[in-house]
């Protein structure tokens, strides 16, 4: 349940925050949400990655379809990828990596500042 909540929060955060802030501010916000929601390590990575990757894919498709631009096709040819679909795939992969690492950073930061009991023998 935390995974779905975290993924949904990340996607909504990316969609609304990307309008007014650069990507690195969104990454800090995802790390902050991961610190507050407290998913596990893998859930933090995949939740942040899926949330940001799908949001970036949706935004790229929305912009491309609403403007009927040939820019993705031209960029695909320029970068040697072949078509605009490869550019969308690359955008999604980059969003997944950035979001995933942001979520994992938030989880690891929470583990760093979380108080551990000192009077328990751990073996």
PDB file of N, CA and C in Angstrom:
ATOM      1  N   UNK A   1       0.818  -1.195   0.000  1.00  0.00           N
ATOM      2  CA  UNK A   1       0.000   0.000   0.000  1.00  0.00           C
ATOM      3  C   UNK A   1       0.862   1.259   0.000  1.00  0.00           C
ATOM      4  N   UNK A   2       1.979   1.198   0.749  1.00  0.00           N
ATOM      5  CA  UNK A   2       2.881   2.351   0.747  1.00  0.00           C
ATOM      6  C   UNK A   2       3.485   2.579  -0.629  1.00  0.00           C
ATOM      7  N   UNK A   3       3.740   1.472  -1.345  1.00  0.00           N
ATOM      8  CA  UNK A   3       4.312   1.594  -2.686  1.00  0.00           C
ATOM      9  C   UNK A   3       3.374   2.359  -3.609  1.00  0.00           C
ATOM     10  N   UNK A   4       2.101   1.988  -3.616  1.00  0.00           N
ATOM     11  CA  UNK A   4       1.133   2.675  -4.480  1.00  0.00           C
ATOM     12  C   UNK A   4       0.943   4.134  -4.069  1.00  0.00           C
ATOM     13  N   UNK A   5       0.880   4.376  -2.767  1.00  0.00           N
ATOM     14  CA  UNK A   5       0.755   5.748  -2.280  1.00  0.00           C
ATOM     15  C   UNK A   5       1.958   6.581  -2.682  1.00  0.00           C
ATOM     16  N   UNK A   6       3.141   6.020  -2.493  1.00  0.00           N
ATOM     17  CA  UNK A   6       4.362   6.744  -2.826  1.00  0.00           C
ATOM     18  C   UNK A   6       4.465   6.990  -4.330  1.00  0.00           C
ATOM     19  N   UNK A   7       4.109   5.992  -5.146  1.00  0.00           N
ATOM     20  CA  UNK A   7       4.156   6.161  -6.598  1.00  0.00           C
ATOM     21  C   UNK A   7       3.182   7.239  -7.058  1.00  0.00           C
ATOM     22  N   UNK A   8       1.979   7.222  -6.525  1.00  0.00           N
ATOM     23  CA  UNK A   8       0.977   8.224  -6.890  1.00  0.00           C
ATOM     24  C   UNK A   8       1.403   9.622  -6.447  1.00  0.00           C
ATOM     25  N   UNK A   9       1.927   9.739  -5.237  1.00  0.00           N
ATOM     26  CA  UNK A   9       2.400  11.049  -4.759  1.00  0.00           C
ATOM     27  C   UNK A   9       3.545  11.567  -5.620  1.00  0.00           C
ATOM     28  N   UNK A  10       4.452  10.681  -6.001  1.00  0.00           N
ATOM     29  CA  UNK A  10       5.574  11.105  -6.845  1.00  0.00           C
ATOM     30  C   UNK A  10       5.097  11.566  -8.212  1.00  0.00           C
ATOM     31  N   UNK A  11       4.175  10.824  -8.809  1.00  0.00           N
ATOM     32  CA  UNK A  11       3.668  11.206 -10.135  1.00  0.00           C
ATOM     33  C   UNK A  11       2.956  12.557 -10.074  1.00  0.00           C
ATOM     34  N   UNK A  12       2.112  12.756  -9.076  1.00  0.00           N
ATOM     35  CA  UNK A  12       1.412  14.036  -8.939  1.00  0.00           C
ATOM     36  C   UNK A  12       2.382  15.177  -8.662  1.00  0.00           C
ATOM     37  N   UNK A  13       3.368  14.906  -7.835  1.00  0.00           N
ATOM     38  CA  UNK A  13       4.374  15.916  -7.516  1.00  0.00           C
ATOM     39  C   UNK A  13       5.148  16.325  -8.759  1.00  0.00           C
ATOM     40  N   UNK A  14       5.529  15.352  -9.572  1.00  0.00           N
ATOM     41  CA  UNK A  14       6.287  15.646 -10.790  1.00  0.00           C
ATOM     42  C   UNK A  14       5.428  16.435 -11.775  1.00  0.00           C
ATOM     43  N   UNK A  15       4.184  16.036 -11.949  1.00  0.00           N
ATOM     44  CA  UNK A  15       3.320  16.717 -12.916  1.00  0.00           C
ATOM     45  C   UNK A  15       3.121  18.184 -12.544  1.00  0.00           C
ATOM     46  N   UNK A  16       2.865  18.454 -11.278  1.00  0.00           N
ATOM     47  CA  UNK A  16       2.573  19.834 -10.895  1.00  0.00           C
ATOM     48  C   UNK A  16       3.819  20.663 -10.603  1.00  0.00           C
ATOM     49  N   UNK A  17       4.864  20.037 -10.104  1.00  0.00           N
ATOM     50  CA  UNK A  17       6.060  20.807  -9.755  1.00  0.00           C
ATOM     51  C   UNK A  17       6.950  21.079 -10.966  1.00  0.00           C
ATOM     52  N   UNK A  18       6.886  20.215 -11.994  1.00  0.00           N
ATOM     53  CA  UNK A  18       7.687  20.453 -13.197  1.00  0.00           C
ATOM     54  C   UNK A  18       7.250  21.693 -13.960  1.00  0.00           C
ATOM     55  N   UNK A  19       6.048  22.163 -13.709  1.00  0.00           N
ATOM     56  CA  UNK A  19       5.580  23.364 -14.393  1.00  0.00           C
ATOM     57  C   UNK A  19       6.294  24.617 -13.917  1.00  0.00           C
ATOM     58  N   UNK A  20       6.757  24.614 -12.659  1.00  0.00           N
ATOM     59  CA  UNK A  20       7.318  25.832 -12.079  1.00  0.00           C
ATOM     60  C   UNK A  20       8.757  25.678 -11.611  1.00  0.00           C
ATOM     61  N   UNK A  21       9.288  24.460 -11.612  1.00  0.00           N
ATOM     62  CA  UNK A  21      10.626  24.251 -11.052  1.00  0.00           C
ATOM     63  C   UNK A  21      11.436  23.319 -11.951  1.00  0.00           C
ATOM     64  N   UNK A  22      12.769  23.402 -11.884  1.00  0.00           N
ATOM     65  CA  UNK A  22      13.601  22.483 -12.667  1.00  0.00           C
ATOM     66  C   UNK A  22      13.578  21.069 -12.081  1.00  0.00           C
ATOM     67  N   UNK A  23      14.170  20.141 -12.822  1.00  0.00           N
ATOM     68  CA  UNK A  23      14.083  18.737 -12.431  1.00  0.00           C
ATOM     69  C   UNK A  23      14.757  18.446 -11.095  1.00  0.00           C
ATOM     70  N   UNK A  24      15.817  19.167 -10.753  1.00  0.00           N
ATOM     71  CA  UNK A  24      16.517  18.862  -9.512  1.00  0.00           C
ATOM     72  C   UNK A  24      15.698  19.265  -8.283  1.00  0.00           C
ATOM     73  N   UNK A  25      14.826  20.255  -8.414  1.00  0.00           N
ATOM     74  CA  UNK A  25      13.921  20.601  -7.311  1.00  0.00           C
ATOM     75  C   UNK A  25      12.903  19.478  -7.128  1.00  0.00           C
ATOM     76  N   UNK A  26      12.447  18.908  -8.246  1.00  0.00           N
ATOM     77  CA  UNK A  26      11.519  17.780  -8.184  1.00  0.00           C
ATOM     78  C   UNK A  26      12.196  16.580  -7.519  1.00  0.00           C
ATOM     79  N   UNK A  27      13.473  16.375  -7.809  1.00  0.00           N
ATOM     80  CA  UNK A  27      14.209  15.268  -7.191  1.00  0.00           C
ATOM     81  C   UNK A  27      14.308  15.448  -5.677  1.00  0.00           C
ATOM     82  N   UNK A  28      14.551  16.669  -5.230  1.00  0.00           N
ATOM     83  CA  UNK A  28      14.607  16.935  -3.785  1.00  0.00           C
ATOM     84  C   UNK A  28      13.238  16.713  -3.165  1.00  0.00           C
ATOM     85  N   UNK A  29      12.180  17.100  -3.874  1.00  0.00           N
ATOM     86  CA  UNK A  29      10.819  16.907  -3.360  1.00  0.00           C
ATOM     87  C   UNK A  29      10.476  15.417  -3.258  1.00  0.00           C
ATOM     88  N   UNK A  30      10.892  14.616  -4.231  1.00  0.00           N
ATOM     89  CA  UNK A  30      10.646  13.172  -4.175  1.00  0.00           C
ATOM     90  C   UNK A  30      11.395  12.553  -3.006  1.00  0.00           C
ATOM     91  N   UNK A  31      12.630  12.992  -2.777  1.00  0.00           N
ATOM     92  CA  UNK A  31      13.392  12.485  -1.633  1.00  0.00           C
ATOM     93  C   UNK A  31      12.709  12.869  -0.324  1.00  0.00           C
ATOM     94  N   UNK A  32      12.155  14.065  -0.256  1.00  0.00           N
ATOM     95  CA  UNK A  32      11.441  14.493   0.950  1.00  0.00           C
ATOM     96  C   UNK A  32      10.180  13.667   1.175  1.00  0.00           C
ATOM     97  N   UNK A  33       9.451  13.377   0.102  1.00  0.00           N
ATOM     98  CA  UNK A  33       8.249  12.550   0.222  1.00  0.00           C
ATOM     99  C   UNK A  33       8.624  11.135   0.658  1.00  0.00           C
ATOM    100  N   UNK A  34       9.728  10.617   0.142  1.00  0.00           N
ATOM    101  CA  UNK A  34      10.178   9.280   0.543  1.00  0.00           C
ATOM    102  C   UNK A  34      10.567   9.249   2.012  1.00  0.00           C
ATOM    103  N   UNK A  35      11.114  10.335   2.499  1.00  0.00           N
ATOM    104  CA  UNK A  35      11.456  10.401   3.914  1.00  0.00           C
ATOM    105  C   UNK A  35      10.200  10.400   4.774  1.00  0.00           C
ATOM    106  N   UNK A  36       9.147  11.057   4.321  1.00  0.00           N
ATOM    107  CA  UNK A  36       7.911  11.142   5.100  1.00  0.00           C
ATOM    108  C   UNK A  36       7.034   9.896   4.988  1.00  0.00           C
ATOM    109  N   UNK A  37       6.935   9.307   3.787  1.00  0.00           N
ATOM    110  CA  UNK A  37       6.069   8.149   3.575  1.00  0.00           C
ATOM    111  C   UNK A  37       6.682   6.875   4.152  1.00  0.00           C
ATOM    112  N   UNK A  38       7.991   6.785   4.174  1.00  0.00           N
ATOM    113  CA  UNK A  38       8.747   5.671   4.742  1.00  0.00           C
ATOM    114  C   UNK A  38       8.560   4.348   4.011  1.00  0.00           C
ATOM    115  N   UNK A  39       8.743   4.305   2.679  1.00  0.00           N
ATOM    116  CA  UNK A  39       8.709   3.000   2.005  1.00  0.00           C
ATOM    117  C   UNK A  39      10.011   2.248   2.269  1.00  0.00           C
ATOM    118  N   UNK A  40      10.046   0.970   1.899  1.00  0.00           N
ATOM    119  CA  UNK A  40      11.302   0.221   2.022  1.00  0.00           C
ATOM    120  C   UNK A  40      12.262   0.691   0.927  1.00  0.00           C
ATOM    121  N   UNK A  41      13.466   0.169   0.927  1.00  0.00           N
ATOM    122  CA  UNK A  41      14.467   0.614  -0.043  1.00  0.00           C
ATOM    123  C   UNK A  41      14.057   0.371  -1.481  1.00  0.00           C
ATOM    124  N   UNK A  42      13.629  -0.875  -1.781  1.00  0.00           N
ATOM    125  CA  UNK A  42      13.214  -1.186  -3.146  1.00  0.00           C
ATOM    126  C   UNK A  42      11.951  -0.440  -3.525  1.00  0.00           C
ATOM    127  N   UNK A  43      11.017  -0.328  -2.611  1.00  0.00           N
ATOM    128  CA  UNK A  43       9.781   0.395  -2.900  1.00  0.00           C
ATOM    129  C   UNK A  43      10.065   1.874  -3.139  1.00  0.00           C
ATOM    130  N   UNK A  44      11.019   2.430  -2.409  1.00  0.00           N
ATOM    131  CA  UNK A  44      11.401   3.818  -2.625  1.00  0.00           C
ATOM    132  C   UNK A  44      12.012   4.029  -3.999  1.00  0.00           C
ATOM    133  N   UNK A  45      12.880   3.094  -4.394  1.00  0.00           N
ATOM    134  CA  UNK A  45      13.519   3.217  -5.710  1.00  0.00           C
ATOM    135  C   UNK A  45      12.500   3.050  -6.831  1.00  0.00           C
ATOM    136  N   UNK A  46      11.745   1.950  -6.798  1.00  0.00           N
ATOM    137  CA  UNK A  46      10.815   1.688  -7.896  1.00  0.00           C
ATOM    138  C   UNK A  46       9.606   2.623  -7.870  1.00  0.00           C
ATOM    139  N   UNK A  47       9.149   3.024  -6.694  1.00  0.00           N
ATOM    140  CA  UNK A  47       8.031   3.959  -6.623  1.00  0.00           C
ATOM    141  C   UNK A  47       8.395   5.323  -7.185  1.00  0.00           C
ATOM    142  N   UNK A  48       9.542   5.834  -6.791  1.00  0.00           N
ATOM    143  CA  UNK A  48      10.000   7.114  -7.336  1.00  0.00           C
ATOM    144  C   UNK A  48      10.289   7.027  -8.819  1.00  0.00           C
ATOM    145  N   UNK A  49      10.876   5.900  -9.233  1.00  0.00           N
ATOM    146  CA  UNK A  49      11.202   5.726 -10.646  1.00  0.00           C
ATOM    147  C   UNK A  49       9.969   5.622 -11.527  1.00  0.00           C
ATOM    148  N   UNK A  50       9.019   4.807 -11.112  1.00  0.00           N
ATOM    149  CA  UNK A  50       7.797   4.644 -11.902  1.00  0.00           C
ATOM    150  C   UNK A  50       6.998   5.944 -11.915  1.00  0.00           C
ATOM    151  N   UNK A  51       6.916   6.615 -10.782  1.00  0.00           N
ATOM    152  CA  UNK A  51       6.180   7.871 -10.718  1.00  0.00           C
ATOM    153  C   UNK A  51       6.760   8.937 -11.625  1.00  0.00           C
ATOM    154  N   UNK A  52       8.055   9.139 -11.559  1.00  0.00           N
ATOM    155  CA  UNK A  52       8.676  10.185 -12.368  1.00  0.00           C
ATOM    156  C   UNK A  52       8.772   9.766 -13.835  1.00  0.00           C
ATOM    157  N   UNK A  53       9.068   8.495 -14.100  1.00  0.00           N
ATOM    158  CA  UNK A  53       9.172   8.030 -15.479  1.00  0.00           C
ATOM    159  C   UNK A  53       7.850   8.138 -16.213  1.00  0.00           C
ATOM    160  N   UNK A  54       6.768   7.686 -15.593  1.00  0.00           N
ATOM    161  CA  UNK A  54       5.458   7.777 -16.244  1.00  0.00           C
ATOM    162  C   UNK A  54       4.988   9.224 -16.392  1.00  0.00           C
ATOM    163  N   UNK A  55       5.296  10.051 -15.408  1.00  0.00           N
ATOM    164  CA  UNK A  55       4.913  11.464 -15.505  1.00  0.00           C
ATOM    165  C   UNK A  55       5.661  12.147 -16.654  1.00  0.00           C
ATOM    166  N   UNK A  56       6.943  11.874 -16.788  1.00  0.00           N
ATOM    167  CA  UNK A  56       7.705  12.469 -17.887  1.00  0.00           C
ATOM    168  C   UNK A  56       7.239  11.946 -19.237  1.00  0.00           C
ATOM    169  N   UNK A  57       6.911  10.647 -19.308  1.00  0.00           N
ATOM    170  CA  UNK A  57       6.388  10.099 -20.559  1.00  0.00           C
ATOM    171  C   UNK A  57       5.052  10.755 -20.915  1.00  0.00           C
ATOM    172  N   UNK A  58       4.180  10.884 -19.940  1.00  0.00           N
ATOM    173  CA  UNK A  58       2.893  11.518 -20.186  1.00  0.00           C
ATOM    174  C   UNK A  58       3.021  12.959 -20.619  1.00  0.00           C
ATOM    175  N   UNK A  59       3.921  13.697 -19.970  1.00  0.00           N
ATOM    176  CA  UNK A  59       4.108  15.096 -20.351  1.00  0.00           C
ATOM    177  C   UNK A  59       4.704  15.215 -21.749  1.00  0.00           C
ATOM    178  N   UNK A  60       5.657  14.349 -22.083  1.00  0.00           N
ATOM    179  CA  UNK A  60       6.268  14.402 -23.416  1.00  0.00           C
ATOM    180  C   UNK A  60       5.252  14.057 -24.496  1.00  0.00           C
ATOM    181  N   UNK A  61       4.426  13.035 -24.246  1.00  0.00           N
ATOM    182  CA  UNK A  61       3.395  12.679 -25.226  1.00  0.00           C
ATOM    183  C   UNK A  61       2.339  13.768 -25.357  1.00  0.00           C
ATOM    184  N   UNK A  62       1.947  14.361 -24.236  1.00  0.00           N
ATOM    185  CA  UNK A  62       0.950  15.423 -24.272  1.00  0.00           C
ATOM    186  C   UNK A  62       1.452  16.632 -25.056  1.00  0.00           C
ATOM    187  N   UNK A  63       2.670  17.032 -24.808  1.00  0.00           N
ATOM    188  CA  UNK A  63       3.232  18.178 -25.525  1.00  0.00           C
ATOM    189  C   UNK A  63       3.379  17.864 -27.009  1.00  0.00           C
ATOM    190  N   UNK A  64       3.854  16.666 -27.321  1.00  0.00           N
ATOM    191  CA  UNK A  64       4.045  16.292 -28.721  1.00  0.00           C
ATOM    192  C   UNK A  64       2.727  16.206 -29.472  1.00  0.00           C
ATOM    193  N   UNK A  65       1.706  15.640 -28.840  1.00  0.00           N
ATOM    194  CA  UNK A  65       0.415  15.504 -29.533  1.00  0.00           C
ATOM    195  C   UNK A  65      -0.339  16.825 -29.635  1.00  0.00           C
ATOM    196  N   UNK A  66      -0.229  17.656 -28.627  1.00  0.00           N
ATOM    197  CA  UNK A  66      -0.982  18.911 -28.666  1.00  0.00           C
ATOM    198  C   UNK A  66      -0.379  19.926 -29.631  1.00  0.00           C
ATOM    199  N   UNK A  67       0.928  19.844 -29.871  1.00  0.00           N
ATOM    200  CA  UNK A  67       1.563  20.790 -30.788  1.00  0.00           C
ATOM    201  C   UNK A  67       1.771  20.222 -32.182  1.00  0.00           C
ATOM    202  N   UNK A  68       1.576  18.922 -32.350  1.00  0.00           N
ATOM    203  CA  UNK A  68       1.816  18.239 -33.640  1.00  0.00           C
ATOM    204  C   UNK A  68       3.213  18.545 -34.160  1.00  0.00           C
ATOM    205  N   UNK A  69       4.160  18.543 -33.254  1.00  0.00           N
ATOM    206  CA  UNK A  69       5.524  18.897 -33.604  1.00  0.00           C
ATOM    207  C   UNK A  69       6.269  17.692 -34.175  1.00  0.00           C
ATOM    208  N   UNK A  70       7.193  17.968 -35.080  1.00  0.00           N
ATOM    209  CA  UNK A  70       8.066  16.925 -35.613  1.00  0.00           C
ATOM    210  C   UNK A  70       9.411  16.921 -34.897  1.00  0.00           C
ATOM    211  N   UNK A  71       9.523  17.699 -33.841  1.00  0.00           N
ATOM    212  CA  UNK A  71      10.789  17.800 -33.120  1.00  0.00           C
ATOM    213  C   UNK A  71      11.268  16.463 -32.553  1.00  0.00           C
ATOM    214  N   UNK A  72      10.410  15.614 -31.946  1.00  0.00           N
ATOM    215  CA  UNK A  72      10.922  14.326 -31.455  1.00  0.00           C
ATOM    216  C   UNK A  72      11.521  13.460 -32.570  1.00  0.00           C
ATOM    217  N   UNK A  73      10.908  13.471 -33.737  1.00  0.00           N
ATOM    218  CA  UNK A  73      11.459  12.702 -34.858  1.00  0.00           C
ATOM    219  C   UNK A  73      12.801  13.274 -35.308  1.00  0.00           C
ATOM    220  N   UNK A  74      12.885  14.591 -35.370  1.00  0.00           N
ATOM    221  CA  UNK A  74      14.142  15.231 -35.775  1.00  0.00           C
ATOM    222  C   UNK A  74      15.244  14.981 -34.743  1.00  0.00           C
ATOM    223  N   UNK A  75      14.880  15.025 -33.458  1.00  0.00           N
ATOM    224  CA  UNK A  75      15.876  14.758 -32.410  1.00  0.00           C
ATOM    225  C   UNK A  75      16.319  13.295 -32.430  1.00  0.00           C
ATOM    226  N   UNK A  76      15.388  12.392 -32.718  1.00  0.00           N
ATOM    227  CA  UNK A  76      15.740  10.983 -32.833  1.00  0.00           C
ATOM    228  C   UNK A  76      16.731  10.735 -33.955  1.00  0.00           C
ATOM    229  N   UNK A  77      16.518  11.388 -35.086  1.00  0.00           N
ATOM    230  CA  UNK A  77      17.443  11.254 -36.212  1.00  0.00           C
ATOM    231  C   UNK A  77      18.778  11.887 -35.873  1.00  0.00           C
ATOM    232  N   UNK A  78      18.748  13.070 -35.246  1.00  0.00           N
ATOM    233  CA  UNK A  78      19.973  13.772 -34.884  1.00  0.00           C
ATOM    234  C   UNK A  78      20.824  12.977 -33.891  1.00  0.00           C
ATOM    235  N   UNK A  79      20.161  12.303 -32.943  1.00  0.00           N
ATOM    236  CA  UNK A  79      20.888  11.535 -31.929  1.00  0.00           C
ATOM    237  C   UNK A  79      21.205  10.124 -32.409  1.00  0.00           C
ATOM    238  N   UNK A  80      20.765   9.757 -33.587  1.00  0.00           N
ATOM    239  CA  UNK A  80      21.058   8.439 -34.125  1.00  0.00           C
ATOM    240  C   UNK A  80      20.166   7.344 -33.573  1.00  0.00           C
ATOM    241  N   UNK A  81      19.020   7.719 -33.036  1.00  0.00           N
ATOM    242  CA  UNK A  81      18.099   6.735 -32.474  1.00  0.00           C
ATOM    243  C   UNK A  81      17.087   6.243 -33.492  1.00  0.00           C
ATOM    244  N   UNK A  82      16.875   6.991 -34.546  1.00  0.00           N
ATOM    245  CA  UNK A  82      15.977   6.551 -35.596  1.00  0.00           C
ATOM    246  C   UNK A  82      14.636   7.250 -35.614  1.00  0.00           C
ATOM    247  N   UNK A  83      13.893   7.204 -34.516  1.00  0.00           N
ATOM    248  CA  UNK A  83      12.547   7.784 -34.540  1.00  0.00           C
ATOM    249  C   UNK A  83      12.272   8.543 -33.245  1.00  0.00           C
ATOM    250  N   UNK A  84      11.111   9.194 -33.236  1.00  0.00           N
ATOM    251  CA  UNK A  84      10.711   9.945 -32.051  1.00  0.00           C
ATOM    252  C   UNK A  84      10.307   9.052 -30.899  1.00  0.00           C
ATOM    253  N   UNK A  85       9.867   7.832 -31.203  1.00  0.00           N
ATOM    254  CA  UNK A  85       9.498   6.906 -30.129  1.00  0.00           C
ATOM    255  C   UNK A  85      10.698   6.552 -29.262  1.00  0.00           C
ATOM    256  N   UNK A  86      11.868   6.466 -29.872  1.00  0.00           N
ATOM    257  CA  UNK A  86      13.079   6.187 -29.099  1.00  0.00           C
ATOM    258  C   UNK A  86      13.406   7.355 -28.163  1.00  0.00           C
ATOM    259  N   UNK A  87      13.117   8.569 -28.600  1.00  0.00           N
ATOM    260  CA  UNK A  87      13.324   9.741 -27.740  1.00  0.00           C
ATOM    261  C   UNK A  87      12.381   9.680 -26.544  1.00  0.00           C
ATOM    262  N   UNK A  88      11.135   9.263 -26.776  1.00  0.00           N
ATOM    263  CA  UNK A  88      10.196   9.107 -25.666  1.00  0.00           C
ATOM    264  C   UNK A  88      10.661   8.015 -24.706  1.00  0.00           C
ATOM    265  N   UNK A  89      11.184   6.932 -25.246  1.00  0.00           N
ATOM    266  CA  UNK A  89      11.718   5.861 -24.401  1.00  0.00           C
ATOM    267  C   UNK A  89      12.913   6.320 -23.584  1.00  0.00           C
ATOM    268  N   UNK A  90      13.789   7.100 -24.215  1.00  0.00           N
ATOM    269  CA  UNK A  90      14.951   7.633 -23.505  1.00  0.00           C
ATOM    270  C   UNK A  90      14.523   8.608 -22.414  1.00  0.00           C
ATOM    271  N   UNK A  91      13.522   9.424 -22.690  1.00  0.00           N
ATOM    272  CA  UNK A  91      12.987  10.351 -21.688  1.00  0.00           C
ATOM    273  C   UNK A  91      12.402   9.595 -20.504  1.00  0.00           C
ATOM    274  N   UNK A  92      11.658   8.540 -20.793  1.00  0.00           N
ATOM    275  CA  UNK A  92      11.069   7.725 -19.731  1.00  0.00           C
ATOM    276  C   UNK A  92      12.148   7.054 -18.896  1.00  0.00           C
ATOM    277  N   UNK A  93      13.166   6.496 -19.549  1.00  0.00           N
ATOM    278  CA  UNK A  93      14.251   5.826 -18.825  1.00  0.00           C
ATOM    279  C   UNK A  93      15.010   6.813 -17.947  1.00  0.00           C
ATOM    280  N   UNK A  94      15.279   8.004 -18.463  1.00  0.00           N
ATOM    281  CA  UNK A  94      15.977   9.009 -17.671  1.00  0.00           C
ATOM    282  C   UNK A  94      15.143   9.450 -16.476  1.00  0.00           C
ATOM    283  N   UNK A  95      13.843   9.631 -16.691  1.00  0.00           N
ATOM    284  CA  UNK A  95      12.956   9.973 -15.584  1.00  0.00           C
ATOM    285  C   UNK A  95      12.901   8.871 -14.547  1.00  0.00           C
ATOM    286  N   UNK A  96      12.888   7.593 -14.995  1.00  0.00           N
ATOM    287  CA  UNK A  96      12.877   6.468 -14.062  1.00  0.00           C
ATOM    288  C   UNK A  96      14.143   6.452 -13.213  1.00  0.00           C
ATOM    289  N   UNK A  97      15.287   6.649 -13.838  1.00  0.00           N
ATOM    290  CA  UNK A  97      16.554   6.621 -13.091  1.00  0.00           C
ATOM    291  C   UNK A  97      16.622   7.772 -12.097  1.00  0.00           C
ATOM    292  N   UNK A  98      16.271   8.980 -12.538  1.00  0.00           N
ATOM    293  CA  UNK A  98      16.331  10.138 -11.642  1.00  0.00           C
ATOM    294  C   UNK A  98      15.340  10.020 -10.490  1.00  0.00           C
ATOM    295  N   UNK A  99      14.120   9.590 -10.793  1.00  0.00           N
ATOM    296  CA  UNK A  99      13.112   9.423  -9.751  1.00  0.00           C
ATOM    297  C   UNK A  99      13.459   8.296  -8.795  1.00  0.00           C
ATOM    298  N   UNK A 100      13.969   7.200  -9.330  1.00  0.00           N
ATOM    299  CA  UNK A 100      14.352   6.078  -8.488  1.00  0.00           C
ATOM    300  C   UNK A 100      15.480   6.422  -7.535  1.00  0.00           C
ATOM    301  N   UNK A 101      16.491   7.091  -8.044  1.00  0.00           N
ATOM    302  CA  UNK A 101      17.594   7.485  -7.169  1.00  0.00           C
ATOM    303  C   UNK A 101      17.163   8.532  -6.142  1.00  0.00           C
ATOM    304  N   UNK A 102      16.211   9.372  -6.512  1.00  0.00           N
ATOM    305  CA  UNK A 102      15.685  10.343  -5.554  1.00  0.00           C
ATOM    306  C   UNK A 102      14.921   9.650  -4.440  1.00  0.00           C
ATOM    307  N   UNK A 103      14.082   8.696  -4.806  1.00  0.00           N
ATOM    308  CA  UNK A 103      13.340   7.946  -3.793  1.00  0.00           C
ATOM    309  C   UNK A 103      14.261   7.161  -2.876  1.00  0.00           C
ATOM    310  N   UNK A 104      15.272   6.534  -3.457  1.00  0.00           N
ATOM    311  CA  UNK A 104      16.232   5.780  -2.651  1.00  0.00           C
ATOM    312  C   UNK A 104      17.027   6.704  -1.733  1.00  0.00           C
ATOM    313  N   UNK A 105      17.351   7.889  -2.216  1.00  0.00           N
ATOM    314  CA  UNK A 105      18.052   8.865  -1.375  1.00  0.00           C
ATOM    315  C   UNK A 105      17.211   9.248  -0.172  1.00  0.00           C
ATOM    316  N   UNK A 106      15.915   9.461  -0.374  1.00  0.00           N
ATOM    317  CA  UNK A 106      15.031   9.787   0.742  1.00  0.00           C
ATOM    318  C   UNK A 106      14.941   8.661   1.751  1.00  0.00           C
ATOM    319  N   UNK A 107      14.859   7.409   1.265  1.00  0.00           N
ATOM    320  CA  UNK A 107      14.795   6.255   2.170  1.00  0.00           C
ATOM    321  C   UNK A 107      16.086   6.136   2.972  1.00  0.00           C
ATOM    322  N   UNK A 108      17.223   6.284   2.308  1.00  0.00           N
ATOM    323  CA  UNK A 108      18.507   6.170   3.001  1.00  0.00           C
ATOM    324  C   UNK A 108      18.728   7.330   3.970  1.00  0.00           C
ATOM    325  N   UNK A 109      18.240   8.509   3.615  1.00  0.00           N
ATOM    326  CA  UNK A 109      18.345   9.642   4.537  1.00  0.00           C
ATOM    327  C   UNK A 109      17.508   9.395   5.788  1.00  0.00           C
ATOM    328  N   UNK A 110      16.324   8.845   5.619  1.00  0.00           N
ATOM    329  CA  UNK A 110      15.491   8.519   6.769  1.00  0.00           C
ATOM    330  C   UNK A 110      16.186   7.492   7.660  1.00  0.00           C
ATOM    331  N   UNK A 111      16.812   6.481   7.050  1.00  0.00           N
ATOM    332  CA  UNK A 111      17.533   5.481   7.836  1.00  0.00           C
ATOM    333  C   UNK A 111      18.729   6.095   8.561  1.00  0.00           C
ATOM    334  N   UNK A 112      19.315   7.111   7.979  1.00  0.00           N
ATOM    335  CA  UNK A 112      20.464   7.765   8.590  1.00  0.00           C
ATOM    336  C   UNK A 112      20.075   8.558   9.828  1.00  0.00           C
ATOM    337  N   UNK A 113      18.948   9.259   9.778  1.00  0.00           N
ATOM    338  CA  UNK A 113      18.562  10.110  10.905  1.00  0.00           C
ATOM    339  C   UNK A 113      17.652   9.416  11.905  1.00  0.00           C
ATOM    340  N   UNK A 114      17.183   8.200  11.552  1.00  0.00           N
ATOM    341  CA  UNK A 114      16.288   7.482  12.455  1.00  0.00           C
ATOM    342  C   UNK A 114      17.066   7.014  13.683  1.00  0.00           C
ATOM    343  N   UNK A 115      16.500   7.264  14.856  1.00  0.00           N
ATOM    344  CA  UNK A 115      17.165   6.901  16.096  1.00  0.00           C
ATOM    345  C   UNK A 115      17.086   5.388  16.292  1.00  0.00           C
ATOM    346  N   UNK A 116      18.244   4.808  16.573  1.00  0.00           N
ATOM    347  CA  UNK A 116      18.320   3.371  16.797  1.00  0.00           C
ATOM    348  C   UNK A 116      18.461   3.117  18.296  1.00  0.00           C
ATOM    349  N   UNK A 117      17.810   2.083  18.825  1.00  0.00           N
ATOM    350  CA  UNK A 117      17.934   1.814  20.256  1.00  0.00           C
ATOM    351  C   UNK A 117      19.359   1.412  20.606  1.00  0.00           C
ATOM    352  N   UNK A 118      19.885   2.009  21.679  1.00  0.00           N
ATOM    353  CA  UNK A 118      21.263   1.720  22.076  1.00  0.00           C
ATOM    354  C   UNK A 118      21.333   0.713  23.216  1.00  0.00           C
ATOM    355  N   UNK A 119      20.204   0.367  23.832  1.00  0.00           N
ATOM    356  CA  UNK A 119      20.235  -0.545  24.954  1.00  0.00           C
ATOM    357  C   UNK A 119      19.801  -1.956  24.580  1.00  0.00           C
ATOM    358  N   UNK A 120      19.845  -2.282  23.287  1.00  0.00           N
ATOM    359  CA  UNK A 120      19.433  -3.595  22.817  1.00  0.00           C
ATOM    360  C   UNK A 120      20.663  -4.316  22.291  1.00  0.00           C
ATOM    361  N   UNK A 121      20.864  -5.558  22.756  1.00  0.00           N
ATOM    362  CA  UNK A 121      21.974  -6.357  22.295  1.00  0.00           C
ATOM    363  C   UNK A 121      21.618  -6.969  20.950  1.00  0.00           C
ATOM    364  N   UNK A 122      22.412  -6.694  19.920  1.00  0.00           N
ATOM    365  CA  UNK A 122      22.118  -7.164  18.585  1.00  0.00           C
ATOM    366  C   UNK A 122      22.933  -8.390  18.188  1.00  0.00           C
ATOM    367  N   UNK A 123      23.780  -8.878  19.065  1.00  0.00           N
ATOM    368  CA  UNK A 123      24.518 -10.111  18.805  1.00  0.00           C
ATOM    369  C   UNK A 123      25.786  -9.864  18.179  1.00  0.00           C
TER     370      UNK A 123
END
